[in-house]
Amino acid sequence: MNRPFIITIGRQYGSGGRDIGKQLAQMFGIDYYDKELLLEAARESGLQEDFLEQTDERTPGTLIHALTTAFAGSWGASGENIYKFQSAAIRRLAAKGSCVIVGRTADYILRDNPRCFNFFIHAPQKIRLARIMEREGISEKAARERIAKIDKTRASYYNFYTDKEWGNSASYHMSIDSSMLGTTRSAEFIRDFLKKILNI
C-alpha cells in the first residue's frame, strides 16, 4: 500500500462510529485503536489502566475527573498530563503505520499530518436510542439519559483541548449520518472516498 495514512473517527454515542471504524480497519487491513490508546498511555505514564478509564474523555473541570485525579494524588496524574501522555501515545501509534483511531481528539493531535483524514459519525436520536437499547438491554429513558451524558462529556472534552467544535462539520473532512446507509455501507462509502484521494 502507499505511504501510511490515518483515519480518525469522531462520533455521537450510539451512532455506530466505533463499528464503522472497525470495519474501515478491516477493509484496509490496518490497525484499529480505541480503548487500546489507554493501554499505551498507561505504559507511558505508569498509571493504572482503570484510573485512565475513569478519566478518559473527561475535561479537568468535571467533578469525577477532579475526584479521580485527586485520589491518584500526584502531579503526574493531572488532567493535562494525562492528555499529554495520551497525545504522545496517539502520535507514536500513528507513526507506526496506517491505522484508524476513534475519539480522543486524534484529529486535532494529528492536525499537522497531511495524510490524516477526519470523519464525524452522527445519527438521529431515535436511531441511536434503538441501537443502545438493543445493545445494552436498557430502557428508552436510560438510553436517552446515557446519550445526553456521554455526548455532553465528549463535546466538553473535545472543545476543551482543541480550538475546534465537536460535531461541527467544519472540524472534519466529512460528516456522515450513518442512518442513511447503515454502518457497513457508510464504511464502504468512506473507504471509496479515501481510495480516490489516496489513489489506491
Protein backbone atom coordinates (compact mmCIF):
# COMPACT_ATOMS: atom_id res chain seq x y z
CA MET A 1 0.00 0.00 0.00
CA ASN A 2 1.08 3.62 -0.45
CA ARG A 3 2.55 5.78 2.30
CA PRO A 4 0.86 5.40 5.70
CA PHE A 5 -2.40 7.25 6.33
CA ILE A 6 -4.55 7.81 9.39
CA ILE A 7 -8.35 7.74 9.68
CA THR A 8 -9.84 9.42 12.73
CA ILE A 9 -13.43 8.92 13.79
CA GLY A 10 -15.39 11.30 15.99
CA ARG A 11 -18.87 10.07 16.86
CA GLN A 12 -22.10 10.68 18.66
CA TYR A 13 -22.89 8.00 21.20
CA GLY A 14 -24.92 5.24 19.60
CA SER A 15 -24.27 6.40 16.03
CA GLY A 16 -22.26 3.33 15.10
CA GLY A 17 -19.00 5.26 14.78
CA ARG A 18 -16.96 2.59 16.52
CA ASP A 19 -18.38 -0.13 14.27
CA ILE A 20 -17.61 1.96 11.19
CA GLY A 21 -14.06 2.49 12.43
CA LYS A 22 -13.54 -1.24 12.98
CA GLN A 23 -14.93 -2.06 9.55
CA LEU A 24 -12.68 0.51 7.89
CA ALA A 25 -9.66 -1.01 9.62
CA GLN A 26 -10.66 -4.44 8.33
CA MET A 27 -11.33 -3.16 4.80
CA PHE A 28 -7.90 -1.53 4.56
CA GLY A 29 -6.11 -4.20 6.58
CA ILE A 30 -4.75 -1.65 9.06
CA ASP A 31 -4.63 -1.28 12.84
CA TYR A 32 -7.57 -0.06 14.91
CA TYR A 33 -7.22 1.90 18.16
CA ASP A 34 -9.88 2.91 20.65
CA LYS A 35 -9.54 1.81 24.27
CA GLU A 36 -6.12 0.46 23.24
CA LEU A 37 -4.88 4.05 23.48
CA LEU A 38 -5.47 3.88 27.22
CA LEU A 39 -3.05 0.97 27.48
CA GLU A 40 -0.43 2.94 25.58
CA ALA A 41 -0.95 5.97 27.81
CA ALA A 42 -0.83 3.75 30.91
CA ARG A 43 2.52 2.29 29.86
CA GLU A 44 3.90 5.77 29.21
CA SER A 45 2.63 7.34 32.43
CA GLY A 46 2.98 4.45 34.85
CA LEU A 47 -0.69 4.91 35.86
CA GLN A 48 -3.16 2.09 36.19
CA GLU A 49 -5.38 1.48 33.16
CA ASP A 50 -8.55 1.52 35.29
CA PHE A 51 -7.67 5.01 36.55
CA LEU A 52 -7.19 6.22 32.98
CA GLU A 53 -10.56 4.74 32.03
CA GLN A 54 -12.23 6.78 34.77
CA THR A 55 -10.76 10.00 33.37
CA ASP A 56 -10.97 9.06 29.68
CA GLU A 57 -12.51 11.81 27.51
CA ARG A 58 -13.36 13.91 30.57
CA THR A 59 -12.33 17.52 30.97
CA PRO A 60 -10.31 18.62 34.01
CA GLY A 61 -13.24 20.72 35.18
CA THR A 62 -15.62 17.81 35.75
CA LEU A 63 -16.24 16.61 39.30
CA ILE A 64 -15.45 12.96 38.54
CA HIS A 65 -12.18 13.99 36.90
CA ALA A 66 -11.24 16.15 39.86
CA LEU A 67 -12.04 13.40 42.35
CA THR A 68 -10.17 10.68 40.49
CA THR A 69 -7.08 12.79 39.88
CA ALA A 70 -7.09 13.97 43.50
CA PHE A 71 -7.36 10.34 44.61
CA ALA A 72 -4.37 9.50 42.44
CA GLY A 73 -2.50 12.07 44.49
CA SER A 74 0.28 13.10 42.16
CA TRP A 75 1.16 15.97 39.83
CA GLY A 76 1.84 13.43 37.11
CA ALA A 77 -1.79 12.37 37.21
CA SER A 78 -3.23 15.81 36.44
CA GLY A 79 -5.74 16.05 33.60
CA GLU A 80 -3.35 17.99 31.41
CA ASN A 81 -0.59 15.43 31.89
CA ILE A 82 -2.89 12.51 31.21
CA TYR A 83 -3.87 14.25 27.99
CA LYS A 84 -0.19 14.73 27.12
CA PHE A 85 0.52 11.04 27.72
CA GLN A 86 -2.42 10.02 25.57
CA SER A 87 -1.44 12.52 22.84
CA ALA A 88 2.06 11.08 22.80
CA ALA A 89 0.60 7.58 22.51
CA ILE A 90 -1.56 8.67 19.56
CA ARG A 91 1.42 10.22 17.75
CA ARG A 92 3.54 7.13 18.42
CA LEU A 93 0.89 4.76 17.10
CA ALA A 94 0.24 6.95 14.06
CA ALA A 95 3.97 6.92 13.29
CA LYS A 96 3.99 3.10 13.26
CA GLY A 97 1.80 2.89 10.17
CA SER A 98 -1.68 3.27 8.73
CA CYS A 99 -4.45 2.99 11.29
CA VAL A 100 -7.93 4.01 12.43
CA ILE A 101 -8.19 5.97 15.68
CA VAL A 102 -11.56 6.55 17.34
CA GLY A 103 -12.16 9.61 19.52
CA ARG A 104 -9.75 11.26 21.95
CA THR A 105 -9.19 14.36 19.77
CA ALA A 106 -6.92 12.34 17.46
CA ASP A 107 -7.90 14.59 14.54
CA TYR A 108 -6.58 17.61 16.42
CA ILE A 109 -3.47 15.90 17.77
CA LEU A 110 -2.54 14.80 14.23
CA ARG A 111 -3.65 18.04 12.56
CA ASP A 112 -0.22 18.63 11.00
CA ASN A 113 -0.23 15.24 9.28
CA PRO A 114 -1.37 15.78 5.65
CA ARG A 115 -2.37 12.13 5.41
CA CYS A 116 -4.72 12.21 8.37
CA PHE A 117 -8.38 12.12 7.32
CA ASN A 118 -11.06 13.03 9.81
CA PHE A 119 -14.67 11.88 9.89
CA PHE A 120 -17.57 12.52 12.25
CA ILE A 121 -20.40 10.00 12.53
CA HIS A 122 -23.84 11.07 13.71
CA ALA A 123 -27.42 9.79 13.51
CA PRO A 124 -30.94 10.84 14.53
CA GLN A 125 -31.65 10.28 18.19
CA LYS A 126 -34.38 7.70 17.57
CA ILE A 127 -31.89 5.53 15.68
CA ARG A 128 -29.29 5.90 18.41
CA LEU A 129 -31.86 5.13 21.10
CA ALA A 130 -32.89 1.92 19.35
CA ARG A 131 -29.27 0.81 18.91
CA ILE A 132 -28.34 1.50 22.54
CA MET A 133 -31.48 -0.12 23.94
CA GLU A 134 -30.84 -3.28 21.93
CA ARG A 135 -27.10 -3.40 22.51
CA GLU A 136 -27.17 -2.68 26.23
CA GLY A 137 -30.57 -4.04 27.17
CA ILE A 138 -31.75 -0.84 28.83
CA SER A 139 -34.95 1.20 28.78
CA GLU A 140 -35.57 4.12 26.44
CA LYS A 141 -35.35 6.51 29.39
CA ALA A 142 -31.97 5.11 30.45
CA ALA A 143 -30.70 5.18 26.86
CA ARG A 144 -31.82 8.78 26.45
CA GLU A 145 -30.02 9.79 29.65
CA ARG A 146 -26.87 7.96 28.58
CA ILE A 147 -26.83 9.66 25.18
CA ALA A 148 -27.16 13.10 26.78
CA LYS A 149 -24.46 12.41 29.36
CA ILE A 150 -21.88 10.83 27.06
CA ASP A 151 -22.35 13.28 24.19
CA LYS A 152 -22.00 16.18 26.63
CA THR A 153 -18.83 14.66 28.08
CA ARG A 154 -17.30 14.07 24.66
CA ALA A 155 -18.16 17.56 23.46
CA SER A 156 -16.72 19.18 26.60
CA TYR A 157 -13.51 17.16 26.32
CA TYR A 158 -13.04 17.93 22.63
CA ASN A 159 -13.86 21.62 22.95
CA PHE A 160 -11.61 21.99 25.99
CA TYR A 161 -8.47 20.53 24.42
CA THR A 162 -8.85 21.78 20.84
CA ASP A 163 -9.61 25.05 19.09
CA LYS A 164 -12.44 23.36 17.20
CA GLU A 165 -16.05 22.41 17.96
CA TRP A 166 -17.09 18.80 18.49
CA GLY A 167 -19.59 17.71 15.85
CA ASN A 168 -19.24 20.86 13.73
CA SER A 169 -18.80 19.69 10.13
CA ALA A 170 -16.09 22.32 9.58
CA SER A 171 -13.94 20.44 12.09
CA TYR A 172 -13.76 17.34 9.89
CA HIS A 173 -13.17 16.32 6.29
CA MET A 174 -16.58 14.69 6.21
CA SER A 175 -19.61 14.33 8.47
CA ILE A 176 -21.90 11.34 7.84
CA ASP A 177 -25.38 10.42 9.04
CA SER A 178 -24.91 6.68 9.49
CA SER A 179 -28.69 6.06 9.40
CA MET A 180 -28.77 6.88 5.70
CA LEU A 181 -26.69 3.89 4.59
CA GLY A 182 -26.17 1.85 7.75
CA THR A 183 -22.78 1.22 9.30
CA THR A 184 -21.39 -1.19 6.69
CA ARG A 185 -22.31 0.89 3.66
CA SER A 186 -21.19 4.06 5.44
CA ALA A 187 -17.79 2.40 5.98
CA GLU A 188 -17.73 1.41 2.30
CA PHE A 189 -18.57 4.97 1.30
CA ILE A 190 -15.68 6.33 3.38
CA ARG A 191 -13.38 3.62 2.00
CA ASP A 192 -14.21 4.50 -1.60
CA PHE A 193 -13.80 8.22 -0.86
CA LEU A 194 -10.35 7.62 0.62
CA LYS A 195 -9.25 5.29 -2.14
CA LYS A 196 -9.89 8.06 -4.66
CA ILE A 197 -7.93 10.58 -2.60
CA LEU A 198 -5.05 8.19 -1.94
CA ASN A 199 -5.06 6.68 -5.45
CA ILE A 200 -5.12 3.12 -4.14
